[in-house]
Every structure is written in C-alpha cells, then in structure tokens.
Amino acid sequence: MLQIDPSARISPLADIEDSVRGSRIAVGAHSVIDSFVKVKPAGGSGDLIIGEHVIINSGCVLYTGQGIRIGHHVAIAANCTFAPVNHAYQDKHRLIREQGFLPGKGGILIEDDVWIGANCVLLDGAVLRRGCVVGAGSIVRGELAAYTVYAGQPLRVVGERQ
C-alpha cells in the first residue's frame, strides 16, 4: 500500500514498487525522492516509513525487508543502499536463492536530523540515532550514538594488500 503526502515530490524517474505482501510504503510531507531511486518490497514484509522533510538522492536502493523507518529532516546522498534483509546460505546442498531469508535483526531505524553520505550501505539492524553523520562509503550494521560522526571502513577487497 502506497501512501504519499500531497506535498511530497517523487521524481517520475523513481521506481517505487507496491508491495504484494501488504507492506506499507509511506512518504511524509515535503519529502523528496529523486530520479533513479528504487524502492523494492523484498525479503520480508516490513514497512518503509519516510518522515517529513526527507531527501533521498539519485541512485539509492531501498529494500523493505524487515522494515525501514526514516525520521524527519534526514538527508540521504546519492547511491546508498538500505538492505534490512539477510539471505539464508548455510545449506550447501541447495542454491542460496532457494534457501529464503534468515530471521531479521529489527530492520533499519534512522532517527531525526541525520545525514548519510554518498555510497553508504545500511544493513539489517542498523540504528542511526538523532543527529548522526555517516561518512561517504561507510557500511553500517549496528547502532550509532546520537550526534556522532561515523566514517566506517569500507569493505576490503579479498586479496587486497593492507
């Protein structure tokens, strides 16, 4: 079910898929979803709730999975991925895509007045408390305290020299 406040602006080039599992996708007042943002209800039946005065820039991908809650006055830079979902993979006798999903870690929660830099990845269980700043290229999978600046280490490529 899609609920978009009349004052929100959704680019005609954004791709917001409606859920077939009954998940709610809600966009608050004065929020902006830019071109080439993809919202995909996949990997669970969680809701995507976007607060007021939120900007989601081009190229971001949001899988609803276990749910995503974004507070008010949040700025999300280009090319971020929100993935509140975990594939099952332990059964080596079955293809990963046939194993479904693991139990969730609570989805993703972003409180008010947060800035997320470009090319960040937020994983299931990420909690960004009020006033956080997440540096470009960071990977977040746990809780960040209020009013902290986080410049997490990007994933190291296998075989890369230290």
C-alpha atoms as a PDB file:
ATOM      1  CA  MET A   1       0.000   0.000   0.000  1.00  0.00           C
ATOM      2  CA  LEU A   2       1.463   3.353  -1.078  1.00  0.00           C
ATOM      3  CA  GLN A   3       0.742   6.486   0.978  1.00  0.00           C
ATOM      4  CA  ILE A   4       2.354   9.646  -0.390  1.00  0.00           C
ATOM      5  CA  ASP A   5       1.680  13.019   1.221  1.00  0.00           C
ATOM      6  CA  PRO A   6       0.404  15.533  -1.385  1.00  0.00           C
ATOM      7  CA  SER A   7       3.310  17.896  -0.616  1.00  0.00           C
ATOM      8  CA  ALA A   8       5.961  15.198  -1.214  1.00  0.00           C
ATOM      9  CA  ARG A   9       7.805  15.223  -4.529  1.00  0.00           C
ATOM     10  CA  ILE A  10       8.526  11.912  -6.228  1.00  0.00           C
ATOM     11  CA  SER A  11      10.514  12.072  -9.454  1.00  0.00           C
ATOM     12  CA  PRO A  12       8.746  10.431 -12.391  1.00  0.00           C
ATOM     13  CA  LEU A  13      12.063   8.610 -12.916  1.00  0.00           C
ATOM     14  CA  ALA A  14      11.937   6.991  -9.456  1.00  0.00           C
ATOM     15  CA  ASP A  15      10.775   3.361  -9.319  1.00  0.00           C
ATOM     16  CA  ILE A  16       8.610   2.576  -6.301  1.00  0.00           C
ATOM     17  CA  GLU A  17       7.144  -0.920  -6.424  1.00  0.00           C
ATOM     18  CA  ASP A  18       3.973  -1.521  -4.452  1.00  0.00           C
ATOM     19  CA  SER A  19       4.111  -4.484  -2.083  1.00  0.00           C
ATOM     20  CA  VAL A  20       2.371  -7.770  -2.853  1.00  0.00           C
ATOM     21  CA  ARG A  21       2.777  -8.860   0.809  1.00  0.00           C
ATOM     22  CA  GLY A  22       0.873  -5.969   2.345  1.00  0.00           C
ATOM     23  CA  SER A  23       3.851  -3.846   3.368  1.00  0.00           C
ATOM     24  CA  ARG A  24       3.133  -0.151   3.720  1.00  0.00           C
ATOM     25  CA  ILE A  25       5.246   2.438   1.919  1.00  0.00           C
ATOM     26  CA  ALA A  26       4.588   5.930   3.316  1.00  0.00           C
ATOM     27  CA  VAL A  27       6.271   9.188   2.288  1.00  0.00           C
ATOM     28  CA  GLY A  28       5.832  12.178   4.613  1.00  0.00           C
ATOM     29  CA  ALA A  29       5.159  15.842   3.943  1.00  0.00           C
ATOM     30  CA  HIS A  30       7.691  17.854   1.932  1.00  0.00           C
ATOM     31  CA  SER A  31       9.937  14.833   1.345  1.00  0.00           C
ATOM     32  CA  VAL A  32      11.748  14.348  -1.956  1.00  0.00           C
ATOM     33  CA  ILE A  33      12.573  11.110  -3.733  1.00  0.00           C
ATOM     34  CA  ASP A  34      14.915  11.896  -6.610  1.00  0.00           C
ATOM     35  CA  SER A  35      15.407  10.305 -10.024  1.00  0.00           C
ATOM     36  CA  PHE A  36      16.594   6.701 -10.235  1.00  0.00           C
ATOM     37  CA  VAL A  37      15.721   5.828  -6.640  1.00  0.00           C
ATOM     38  CA  LYS A  38      14.500   2.220  -6.423  1.00  0.00           C
ATOM     39  CA  VAL A  39      12.148   1.028  -3.669  1.00  0.00           C
ATOM     40  CA  LYS A  40      11.667  -2.731  -3.717  1.00  0.00           C
ATOM     41  CA  PRO A  41       9.495  -4.659  -1.257  1.00  0.00           C
ATOM     42  CA  ALA A  42      11.660  -7.780  -0.970  1.00  0.00           C
ATOM     43  CA  GLY A  43      12.962 -10.155   1.675  1.00  0.00           C
ATOM     44  CA  GLY A  44      10.218  -9.694   4.244  1.00  0.00           C
ATOM     45  CA  SER A  45       7.031  -7.847   4.987  1.00  0.00           C
ATOM     46  CA  GLY A  46       8.414  -4.775   6.738  1.00  0.00           C
ATOM     47  CA  ASP A  47       7.142  -1.270   6.103  1.00  0.00           C
ATOM     48  CA  LEU A  48       9.061   1.662   4.642  1.00  0.00           C
ATOM     49  CA  ILE A  49       8.111   4.786   6.584  1.00  0.00           C
ATOM     50  CA  ILE A  50       9.718   8.049   5.432  1.00  0.00           C
ATOM     51  CA  GLY A  51       9.195  11.080   7.671  1.00  0.00           C
ATOM     52  CA  GLU A  52       8.797  14.750   6.779  1.00  0.00           C
ATOM     53  CA  HIS A  53      11.410  16.882   5.005  1.00  0.00           C
ATOM     54  CA  VAL A  54      13.489  13.855   3.944  1.00  0.00           C
ATOM     55  CA  ILE A  55      15.617  13.935   0.792  1.00  0.00           C
ATOM     56  CA  ILE A  56      16.661  10.695  -0.902  1.00  0.00           C
ATOM     57  CA  ASN A  57      19.058  11.456  -3.753  1.00  0.00           C
ATOM     58  CA  SER A  58      19.589   9.718  -7.086  1.00  0.00           C
ATOM     59  CA  GLY A  59      20.628   6.110  -7.339  1.00  0.00           C
ATOM     60  CA  CYS A  60      19.580   4.962  -3.858  1.00  0.00           C
ATOM     61  CA  VAL A  61      18.081   1.483  -3.450  1.00  0.00           C
ATOM     62  CA  LEU A  62      15.789   0.631  -0.524  1.00  0.00           C
ATOM     63  CA  TYR A  63      14.699  -2.982   0.012  1.00  0.00           C
ATOM     64  CA  THR A  64      11.870  -3.073   2.539  1.00  0.00           C
ATOM     65  CA  GLY A  65      12.859  -6.458   4.037  1.00  0.00           C
ATOM     66  CA  GLN A  66      12.358  -6.293   7.821  1.00  0.00           C
ATOM     67  CA  GLY A  67      11.394  -2.637   7.578  1.00  0.00           C
ATOM     68  CA  ILE A  68      12.940   0.816   7.296  1.00  0.00           C
ATOM     69  CA  ARG A  69      11.899   3.802   9.413  1.00  0.00           C
ATOM     70  CA  ILE A  70      13.339   7.182   8.496  1.00  0.00           C
ATOM     71  CA  GLY A  71      12.661  10.144  10.803  1.00  0.00           C
ATOM     72  CA  HIS A  72      12.259  13.822   9.911  1.00  0.00           C
ATOM     73  CA  HIS A  73      14.830  16.158   8.321  1.00  0.00           C
ATOM     74  CA  VAL A  74      17.051  13.327   7.062  1.00  0.00           C
ATOM     75  CA  ALA A  75      19.400  13.804   4.090  1.00  0.00           C
ATOM     76  CA  ILE A  76      20.489  10.716   2.153  1.00  0.00           C
ATOM     77  CA  ALA A  77      23.139  11.307  -0.508  1.00  0.00           C
ATOM     78  CA  ALA A  78      23.389   9.517  -3.853  1.00  0.00           C
ATOM     79  CA  ASN A  79      23.857   5.799  -4.411  1.00  0.00           C
ATOM     80  CA  CYS A  80      23.109   4.496  -0.918  1.00  0.00           C
ATOM     81  CA  THR A  81      21.705   1.006  -0.339  1.00  0.00           C
ATOM     82  CA  PHE A  82      19.408   0.059   2.530  1.00  0.00           C
ATOM     83  CA  ALA A  83      19.203  -3.727   2.948  1.00  0.00           C
ATOM     84  CA  PRO A  84      17.281  -4.818   6.074  1.00  0.00           C
ATOM     85  CA  VAL A  85      17.324  -8.449   4.967  1.00  0.00           C
ATOM     86  CA  ASN A  86      19.647 -11.454   5.259  1.00  0.00           C
ATOM     87  CA  HIS A  87      19.734 -14.387   2.863  1.00  0.00           C
ATOM     88  CA  ALA A  88      19.950 -17.898   4.277  1.00  0.00           C
ATOM     89  CA  TYR A  89      23.025 -19.690   2.920  1.00  0.00           C
ATOM     90  CA  GLN A  90      24.009 -22.462   5.349  1.00  0.00           C
ATOM     91  CA  ASP A  91      22.644 -25.439   3.353  1.00  0.00           C
ATOM     92  CA  LYS A  92      25.442 -26.226   0.910  1.00  0.00           C
ATOM     93  CA  HIS A  93      23.203 -28.714  -0.899  1.00  0.00           C
ATOM     94  CA  ARG A  94      20.759 -26.004  -2.032  1.00  0.00           C
ATOM     95  CA  LEU A  95      21.230 -22.869  -4.067  1.00  0.00           C
ATOM     96  CA  ILE A  96      21.326 -19.742  -1.914  1.00  0.00           C
ATOM     97  CA  ARG A  97      18.439 -18.216  -3.849  1.00  0.00           C
ATOM     98  CA  GLU A  98      16.296 -21.228  -2.906  1.00  0.00           C
ATOM     99  CA  GLN A  99      17.001 -21.004   0.859  1.00  0.00           C
ATOM    100  CA  GLY A 100      14.921 -17.925   1.613  1.00  0.00           C
ATOM    101  CA  PHE A 101      15.828 -15.479   4.325  1.00  0.00           C
ATOM    102  CA  LEU A 102      17.191 -15.576   7.877  1.00  0.00           C
ATOM    103  CA  PRO A 103      15.249 -14.074  10.790  1.00  0.00           C
ATOM    104  CA  GLY A 104      15.596 -10.308  10.865  1.00  0.00           C
ATOM    105  CA  LYS A 105      17.596  -8.098  13.223  1.00  0.00           C
ATOM    106  CA  GLY A 106      14.887  -5.458  13.534  1.00  0.00           C
ATOM    107  CA  GLY A 107      15.188  -3.663  10.208  1.00  0.00           C
ATOM    108  CA  ILE A 108      16.764  -0.220   9.851  1.00  0.00           C
ATOM    109  CA  LEU A 109      15.942   2.788  12.049  1.00  0.00           C
ATOM    110  CA  ILE A 110      17.087   6.310  11.236  1.00  0.00           C
ATOM    111  CA  GLU A 111      16.095   8.979  13.738  1.00  0.00           C
ATOM    112  CA  ASP A 112      15.633  12.725  13.043  1.00  0.00           C
ATOM    113  CA  ASP A 113      18.294  15.119  11.716  1.00  0.00           C
ATOM    114  CA  VAL A 114      20.635  12.507  10.211  1.00  0.00           C
ATOM    115  CA  TRP A 115      22.928  12.954   7.215  1.00  0.00           C
ATOM    116  CA  ILE A 116      24.072   9.873   5.289  1.00  0.00           C
ATOM    117  CA  GLY A 117      26.895  10.434   2.804  1.00  0.00           C
ATOM    118  CA  ALA A 118      27.137   9.038  -0.707  1.00  0.00           C
ATOM    119  CA  ASN A 119      27.621   5.325  -1.413  1.00  0.00           C
ATOM    120  CA  CYS A 120      26.769   4.120   2.095  1.00  0.00           C
ATOM    121  CA  VAL A 121      25.308   0.701   2.838  1.00  0.00           C
ATOM    122  CA  LEU A 122      22.961   0.225   5.795  1.00  0.00           C
ATOM    123  CA  LEU A 123      22.321  -3.389   6.787  1.00  0.00           C
ATOM    124  CA  ASP A 124      19.657  -5.097   8.872  1.00  0.00           C
ATOM    125  CA  GLY A 125      19.961  -3.968  12.492  1.00  0.00           C
ATOM    126  CA  ALA A 126      21.414  -0.529  11.680  1.00  0.00           C
ATOM    127  CA  VAL A 127      20.215   2.163  14.094  1.00  0.00           C
ATOM    128  CA  LEU A 128      21.269   5.760  13.460  1.00  0.00           C
ATOM    129  CA  ARG A 129      20.377   7.927  16.434  1.00  0.00           C
ATOM    130  CA  ARG A 130      19.416  11.588  16.199  1.00  0.00           C
ATOM    131  CA  GLY A 131      21.971  13.933  14.655  1.00  0.00           C
ATOM    132  CA  CYS A 132      24.356  11.265  13.293  1.00  0.00           C
ATOM    133  CA  VAL A 133      26.552  11.961  10.300  1.00  0.00           C
ATOM    134  CA  VAL A 134      27.635   8.908   8.300  1.00  0.00           C
ATOM    135  CA  GLY A 135      30.658   9.492   6.072  1.00  0.00           C
ATOM    136  CA  ALA A 136      30.607   8.589   2.398  1.00  0.00           C
ATOM    137  CA  GLY A 137      31.315   4.949   1.615  1.00  0.00           C
ATOM    138  CA  SER A 138      30.526   3.685   5.120  1.00  0.00           C
ATOM    139  CA  ILE A 139      28.897   0.374   5.950  1.00  0.00           C
ATOM    140  CA  VAL A 140      26.585   0.452   8.976  1.00  0.00           C
ATOM    141  CA  ARG A 141      25.305  -2.730  10.625  1.00  0.00           C
ATOM    142  CA  GLY A 142      24.860  -1.701  14.260  1.00  0.00           C
ATOM    143  CA  GLU A 143      23.879   1.279  16.391  1.00  0.00           C
ATOM    144  CA  LEU A 144      25.460   4.720  16.104  1.00  0.00           C
ATOM    145  CA  ALA A 145      25.076   7.004  19.126  1.00  0.00           C
ATOM    146  CA  ALA A 146      23.318  10.350  18.837  1.00  0.00           C
ATOM    147  CA  TYR A 147      25.334  13.232  17.369  1.00  0.00           C
ATOM    148  CA  THR A 148      28.302  11.128  16.360  1.00  0.00           C
ATOM    149  CA  VAL A 149      30.255  11.268  13.123  1.00  0.00           C
ATOM    150  CA  TYR A 150      30.925   7.825  11.705  1.00  0.00           C
ATOM    151  CA  ALA A 151      33.406   7.208   8.938  1.00  0.00           C
ATOM    152  CA  GLY A 152      33.329   3.423   8.888  1.00  0.00           C
ATOM    153  CA  GLN A 153      35.862   1.427   6.989  1.00  0.00           C
ATOM    154  CA  PRO A 154      34.653   0.287   3.573  1.00  0.00           C
ATOM    155  CA  LEU A 155      34.798  -3.425   2.869  1.00  0.00           C
ATOM    156  CA  ARG A 156      38.264  -4.668   1.987  1.00  0.00           C
ATOM    157  CA  VAL A 157      38.535  -6.466  -1.339  1.00  0.00           C
ATOM    158  CA  VAL A 158      39.556 -10.112  -0.939  1.00  0.00           C
ATOM    159  CA  GLY A 159      43.239 -10.407  -1.739  1.00  0.00           C
ATOM    160  CA  GLU A 160      43.847  -6.679  -1.341  1.00  0.00           C
ATOM    161  CA  ARG A 161      47.103  -5.729   0.372  1.00  0.00           C
ATOM    162  CA  GLN A 162      46.833  -3.977   3.724  1.00  0.00           C
END
